[in-house]
Amino acid sequence: MTPTRPCQYCLSLQQGSVFADFDIDDNGYVSLVRISFDGYGCCGLEDATRKMDAESSRKLIEWVESNNVSQDAMRAVLKKYFNENKDVIWEDALADYALL
């Protein structure tokens, strides 16, 4: 986390071409607060995205905390979440970076 990009977790995706910043609420639900794409810029989302479901939130937190983030199961959770929120995230950028 940097002072200009406050978040709980910052994930580097697609070989460093996409950075996704996530927060966790008091109930343990994960939500995306911003996502930046090379060639597109930064999509600030504030409170626009819906939260991940409880099971997906638990899994993502577990994977990040254990530093076990490069696995197919995590990609599936993130793709599902991005699909659920493509109406507020730049859908063309998500598609170009194969995140849908």
N, C-alpha and C. Protein backbone atom coordinates (compact mmCIF):
# COMPACT_ATOMS: atom_id res chain seq x y z
N MET A 1 0.84 -1.17 0.00
CA MET A 1 0.00 0.00 0.00
C MET A 1 0.89 1.24 0.00
N THR A 2 0.48 2.24 -0.76
CA THR A 2 1.18 3.52 -0.78
C THR A 2 0.24 4.59 -0.25
N PRO A 3 0.77 5.72 0.24
CA PRO A 3 -0.11 6.78 0.75
C PRO A 3 -1.09 7.32 -0.28
N THR A 4 -0.71 7.27 -1.55
CA THR A 4 -1.59 7.80 -2.59
C THR A 4 -2.60 6.77 -3.08
N ARG A 5 -2.41 5.53 -2.70
CA ARG A 5 -3.31 4.45 -3.11
C ARG A 5 -3.65 3.59 -1.90
N PRO A 6 -4.39 4.13 -0.95
CA PRO A 6 -4.70 3.33 0.25
C PRO A 6 -5.59 2.13 -0.08
N CYS A 7 -5.18 0.98 0.42
CA CYS A 7 -5.96 -0.25 0.23
C CYS A 7 -5.36 -1.31 1.14
N GLN A 8 -6.11 -2.39 1.32
CA GLN A 8 -5.62 -3.51 2.12
C GLN A 8 -4.66 -4.39 1.31
N TYR A 9 -5.04 -4.67 0.05
CA TYR A 9 -4.23 -5.52 -0.82
C TYR A 9 -4.13 -4.89 -2.20
N CYS A 10 -2.93 -4.94 -2.77
CA CYS A 10 -2.71 -4.51 -4.16
C CYS A 10 -2.18 -5.74 -4.90
N LEU A 11 -2.95 -6.20 -5.87
CA LEU A 11 -2.54 -7.36 -6.65
C LEU A 11 -2.06 -6.93 -8.03
N SER A 12 -0.93 -7.46 -8.42
CA SER A 12 -0.40 -7.25 -9.77
C SER A 12 -0.87 -8.41 -10.63
N LEU A 13 -1.59 -8.09 -11.70
CA LEU A 13 -2.16 -9.10 -12.57
C LEU A 13 -1.62 -8.96 -13.99
N GLN A 14 -1.75 -10.01 -14.77
CA GLN A 14 -1.37 -10.01 -16.18
C GLN A 14 0.06 -9.50 -16.38
N GLN A 15 0.99 -10.13 -15.70
CA GLN A 15 2.42 -9.82 -15.78
C GLN A 15 2.71 -8.34 -15.50
N GLY A 16 2.01 -7.75 -14.53
CA GLY A 16 2.27 -6.38 -14.13
C GLY A 16 1.61 -5.32 -15.00
N SER A 17 0.72 -5.73 -15.87
CA SER A 17 0.01 -4.76 -16.73
C SER A 17 -1.26 -4.23 -16.08
N VAL A 18 -1.71 -4.90 -15.03
CA VAL A 18 -2.94 -4.50 -14.33
C VAL A 18 -2.65 -4.54 -12.83
N PHE A 19 -3.08 -3.50 -12.12
CA PHE A 19 -2.96 -3.46 -10.67
C PHE A 19 -4.35 -3.27 -10.09
N ALA A 20 -4.75 -4.19 -9.22
CA ALA A 20 -6.08 -4.14 -8.61
C ALA A 20 -5.93 -3.94 -7.11
N ASP A 21 -6.55 -2.90 -6.59
CA ASP A 21 -6.48 -2.56 -5.17
C ASP A 21 -7.78 -2.93 -4.48
N PHE A 22 -7.68 -3.70 -3.41
CA PHE A 22 -8.83 -4.21 -2.69
C PHE A 22 -8.83 -3.76 -1.24
N ASP A 23 -10.01 -3.58 -0.69
CA ASP A 23 -10.19 -3.32 0.73
C ASP A 23 -11.05 -4.42 1.32
N ILE A 24 -11.03 -4.51 2.65
CA ILE A 24 -11.84 -5.48 3.38
C ILE A 24 -12.65 -4.72 4.40
N ASP A 25 -13.96 -4.97 4.44
CA ASP A 25 -14.79 -4.27 5.41
C ASP A 25 -14.72 -4.97 6.77
N ASP A 26 -15.40 -4.42 7.76
CA ASP A 26 -15.37 -4.96 9.12
C ASP A 26 -15.93 -6.37 9.23
N ASN A 27 -16.74 -6.77 8.25
CA ASN A 27 -17.33 -8.11 8.25
C ASN A 27 -16.52 -9.12 7.44
N GLY A 28 -15.37 -8.69 6.89
CA GLY A 28 -14.50 -9.59 6.14
C GLY A 28 -14.82 -9.72 4.67
N TYR A 29 -15.65 -8.81 4.14
CA TYR A 29 -15.98 -8.85 2.71
C TYR A 29 -15.00 -7.99 1.93
N VAL A 30 -14.50 -8.53 0.83
CA VAL A 30 -13.52 -7.87 -0.02
C VAL A 30 -14.25 -7.08 -1.11
N SER A 31 -13.73 -5.90 -1.44
CA SER A 31 -14.24 -5.14 -2.58
C SER A 31 -13.10 -4.40 -3.26
N LEU A 32 -13.27 -4.19 -4.54
CA LEU A 32 -12.29 -3.49 -5.35
C LEU A 32 -12.48 -1.98 -5.20
N VAL A 33 -11.39 -1.26 -4.90
CA VAL A 33 -11.49 0.19 -4.76
C VAL A 33 -10.93 0.94 -5.97
N ARG A 34 -10.01 0.30 -6.70
CA ARG A 34 -9.48 0.89 -7.94
C ARG A 34 -8.75 -0.19 -8.70
N ILE A 35 -8.67 0.03 -10.01
CA ILE A 35 -7.93 -0.91 -10.87
C ILE A 35 -7.29 -0.10 -11.98
N SER A 36 -6.00 -0.34 -12.24
CA SER A 36 -5.29 0.37 -13.31
C SER A 36 -4.84 -0.61 -14.37
N PHE A 37 -5.00 -0.16 -15.59
CA PHE A 37 -4.65 -0.97 -16.75
C PHE A 37 -3.64 -0.20 -17.60
N ASP A 38 -2.53 -0.85 -17.99
CA ASP A 38 -1.62 -0.23 -18.95
C ASP A 38 -2.40 0.11 -20.21
N GLY A 39 -2.25 1.33 -20.68
CA GLY A 39 -2.92 1.75 -21.89
C GLY A 39 -4.30 2.33 -21.67
N TYR A 40 -4.84 2.20 -20.46
CA TYR A 40 -6.17 2.72 -20.15
C TYR A 40 -6.15 3.75 -19.02
N GLY A 41 -5.29 3.53 -18.05
CA GLY A 41 -5.25 4.42 -16.90
C GLY A 41 -5.87 3.76 -15.68
N CYS A 42 -6.18 4.61 -14.69
CA CYS A 42 -6.69 4.13 -13.42
C CYS A 42 -8.19 4.37 -13.33
N CYS A 43 -8.91 3.31 -13.04
CA CYS A 43 -10.36 3.37 -12.87
C CYS A 43 -10.64 3.41 -11.36
N GLY A 44 -10.88 4.62 -10.83
CA GLY A 44 -11.20 4.77 -9.42
C GLY A 44 -12.66 4.40 -9.19
N LEU A 45 -12.91 3.52 -8.25
CA LEU A 45 -14.26 2.98 -8.09
C LEU A 45 -14.95 3.42 -6.80
N GLU A 46 -14.18 3.90 -5.84
CA GLU A 46 -14.73 4.29 -4.54
C GLU A 46 -15.69 3.23 -4.03
N ASP A 47 -16.97 3.53 -3.93
CA ASP A 47 -17.93 2.56 -3.41
C ASP A 47 -18.82 1.97 -4.51
N ALA A 48 -18.36 2.01 -5.75
CA ALA A 48 -19.19 1.59 -6.88
C ALA A 48 -19.30 0.07 -7.01
N THR A 49 -18.28 -0.67 -6.61
CA THR A 49 -18.33 -2.12 -6.80
C THR A 49 -19.08 -2.81 -5.68
N ARG A 50 -19.67 -3.93 -6.03
CA ARG A 50 -20.30 -4.78 -5.03
C ARG A 50 -19.21 -5.58 -4.33
N LYS A 51 -19.50 -6.05 -3.17
CA LYS A 51 -18.53 -6.84 -2.41
C LYS A 51 -18.52 -8.28 -2.92
N MET A 52 -17.39 -8.93 -2.74
CA MET A 52 -17.30 -10.36 -3.04
C MET A 52 -18.20 -11.10 -2.06
N ASP A 53 -18.66 -12.27 -2.47
CA ASP A 53 -19.43 -13.09 -1.53
C ASP A 53 -18.50 -13.58 -0.42
N ALA A 54 -19.08 -14.10 0.64
CA ALA A 54 -18.31 -14.49 1.83
C ALA A 54 -17.23 -15.52 1.52
N GLU A 55 -17.57 -16.55 0.76
CA GLU A 55 -16.60 -17.60 0.45
C GLU A 55 -15.45 -17.09 -0.41
N SER A 56 -15.76 -16.31 -1.43
CA SER A 56 -14.71 -15.74 -2.28
C SER A 56 -13.82 -14.79 -1.49
N SER A 57 -14.42 -13.99 -0.63
CA SER A 57 -13.64 -13.08 0.22
C SER A 57 -12.69 -13.86 1.11
N ARG A 58 -13.21 -14.90 1.75
CA ARG A 58 -12.38 -15.73 2.64
C ARG A 58 -11.21 -16.33 1.88
N LYS A 59 -11.49 -16.88 0.69
CA LYS A 59 -10.43 -17.50 -0.10
C LYS A 59 -9.38 -16.48 -0.52
N LEU A 60 -9.81 -15.33 -1.03
CA LEU A 60 -8.84 -14.33 -1.49
C LEU A 60 -7.95 -13.88 -0.34
N ILE A 61 -8.55 -13.60 0.81
CA ILE A 61 -7.76 -13.19 1.98
C ILE A 61 -6.76 -14.28 2.35
N GLU A 62 -7.21 -15.52 2.37
CA GLU A 62 -6.33 -16.64 2.72
C GLU A 62 -5.16 -16.75 1.74
N TRP A 63 -5.46 -16.66 0.44
CA TRP A 63 -4.40 -16.77 -0.57
C TRP A 63 -3.39 -15.63 -0.46
N VAL A 64 -3.88 -14.41 -0.29
CA VAL A 64 -2.97 -13.27 -0.21
C VAL A 64 -2.13 -13.35 1.07
N GLU A 65 -2.77 -13.66 2.19
CA GLU A 65 -2.06 -13.74 3.46
C GLU A 65 -1.00 -14.84 3.47
N SER A 66 -1.25 -15.92 2.73
CA SER A 66 -0.29 -17.02 2.67
C SER A 66 0.68 -16.86 1.49
N ASN A 67 0.56 -15.74 0.76
CA ASN A 67 1.40 -15.46 -0.41
C ASN A 67 1.31 -16.58 -1.45
N ASN A 68 0.12 -17.10 -1.62
CA ASN A 68 -0.15 -18.17 -2.58
C ASN A 68 -1.11 -17.63 -3.63
N VAL A 69 -0.67 -16.61 -4.37
CA VAL A 69 -1.58 -15.86 -5.23
C VAL A 69 -1.56 -16.26 -6.70
N SER A 70 -0.63 -17.07 -7.13
CA SER A 70 -0.58 -17.41 -8.55
C SER A 70 -1.14 -18.81 -8.77
N GLN A 71 -2.44 -18.92 -8.70
CA GLN A 71 -3.08 -20.21 -8.88
C GLN A 71 -4.37 -20.05 -9.68
N ASP A 72 -4.76 -21.11 -10.33
CA ASP A 72 -5.95 -21.09 -11.18
C ASP A 72 -7.21 -20.77 -10.39
N ALA A 73 -7.32 -21.27 -9.18
CA ALA A 73 -8.51 -21.02 -8.37
C ALA A 73 -8.68 -19.52 -8.08
N MET A 74 -7.58 -18.83 -7.83
CA MET A 74 -7.65 -17.39 -7.58
C MET A 74 -8.07 -16.65 -8.84
N ARG A 75 -7.54 -17.05 -9.98
CA ARG A 75 -7.94 -16.42 -11.23
C ARG A 75 -9.44 -16.58 -11.45
N ALA A 76 -9.97 -17.74 -11.14
CA ALA A 76 -11.41 -17.99 -11.31
C ALA A 76 -12.23 -17.09 -10.39
N VAL A 77 -11.80 -16.92 -9.15
CA VAL A 77 -12.51 -16.05 -8.20
C VAL A 77 -12.48 -14.61 -8.70
N LEU A 78 -11.32 -14.14 -9.16
CA LEU A 78 -11.21 -12.76 -9.64
C LEU A 78 -12.03 -12.55 -10.91
N LYS A 79 -11.99 -13.49 -11.84
CA LYS A 79 -12.78 -13.35 -13.07
C LYS A 79 -14.27 -13.29 -12.74
N LYS A 80 -14.73 -14.12 -11.84
CA LYS A 80 -16.14 -14.10 -11.43
C LYS A 80 -16.49 -12.74 -10.85
N TYR A 81 -15.63 -12.23 -9.98
CA TYR A 81 -15.87 -10.94 -9.35
C TYR A 81 -15.87 -9.81 -10.38
N PHE A 82 -14.91 -9.82 -11.29
CA PHE A 82 -14.86 -8.78 -12.32
C PHE A 82 -16.10 -8.85 -13.22
N ASN A 83 -16.55 -10.04 -13.54
CA ASN A 83 -17.78 -10.18 -14.33
C ASN A 83 -18.98 -9.61 -13.59
N GLU A 84 -19.04 -9.83 -12.29
CA GLU A 84 -20.16 -9.32 -11.49
C GLU A 84 -20.15 -7.79 -11.40
N ASN A 85 -19.00 -7.18 -11.65
CA ASN A 85 -18.86 -5.73 -11.52
C ASN A 85 -18.48 -5.03 -12.81
N LYS A 86 -18.60 -5.72 -13.94
CA LYS A 86 -18.17 -5.13 -15.21
C LYS A 86 -18.99 -3.91 -15.61
N ASP A 87 -20.12 -3.72 -14.99
CA ASP A 87 -20.94 -2.53 -15.28
C ASP A 87 -20.33 -1.26 -14.68
N VAL A 88 -19.43 -1.39 -13.71
CA VAL A 88 -18.81 -0.21 -13.10
C VAL A 88 -17.30 -0.15 -13.34
N ILE A 89 -16.73 -1.25 -13.83
CA ILE A 89 -15.31 -1.27 -14.21
C ILE A 89 -15.27 -1.16 -15.73
N TRP A 90 -14.19 -0.66 -16.28
CA TRP A 90 -14.08 -0.53 -17.73
C TRP A 90 -14.11 -1.91 -18.37
N GLU A 91 -15.25 -2.28 -18.93
CA GLU A 91 -15.44 -3.61 -19.49
C GLU A 91 -14.49 -3.88 -20.65
N ASP A 92 -14.22 -2.87 -21.48
CA ASP A 92 -13.30 -3.07 -22.61
C ASP A 92 -11.89 -3.39 -22.12
N ALA A 93 -11.45 -2.75 -21.05
CA ALA A 93 -10.13 -3.03 -20.50
C ALA A 93 -10.10 -4.42 -19.87
N LEU A 94 -11.14 -4.78 -19.14
CA LEU A 94 -11.22 -6.13 -18.57
C LEU A 94 -11.15 -7.18 -19.68
N ALA A 95 -11.86 -6.95 -20.77
CA ALA A 95 -11.86 -7.91 -21.89
C ALA A 95 -10.49 -7.95 -22.56
N ASP A 96 -9.88 -6.79 -22.80
CA ASP A 96 -8.56 -6.76 -23.45
C ASP A 96 -7.51 -7.50 -22.63
N TYR A 97 -7.64 -7.47 -21.33
CA TYR A 97 -6.67 -8.14 -20.46
C TYR A 97 -7.14 -9.51 -20.00
N ALA A 98 -8.16 -10.06 -20.66
CA ALA A 98 -8.68 -11.41 -20.40
C ALA A 98 -9.03 -11.62 -18.93
N LEU A 99 -9.71 -10.62 -18.35
CA LEU A 99 -10.11 -10.72 -16.94
C LEU A 99 -11.61 -10.98 -16.80
N LEU A 100 -12.26 -11.30 -17.88
CA LEU A 100 -13.70 -11.63 -17.83
C LEU A 100 -13.89 -13.11 -18.14
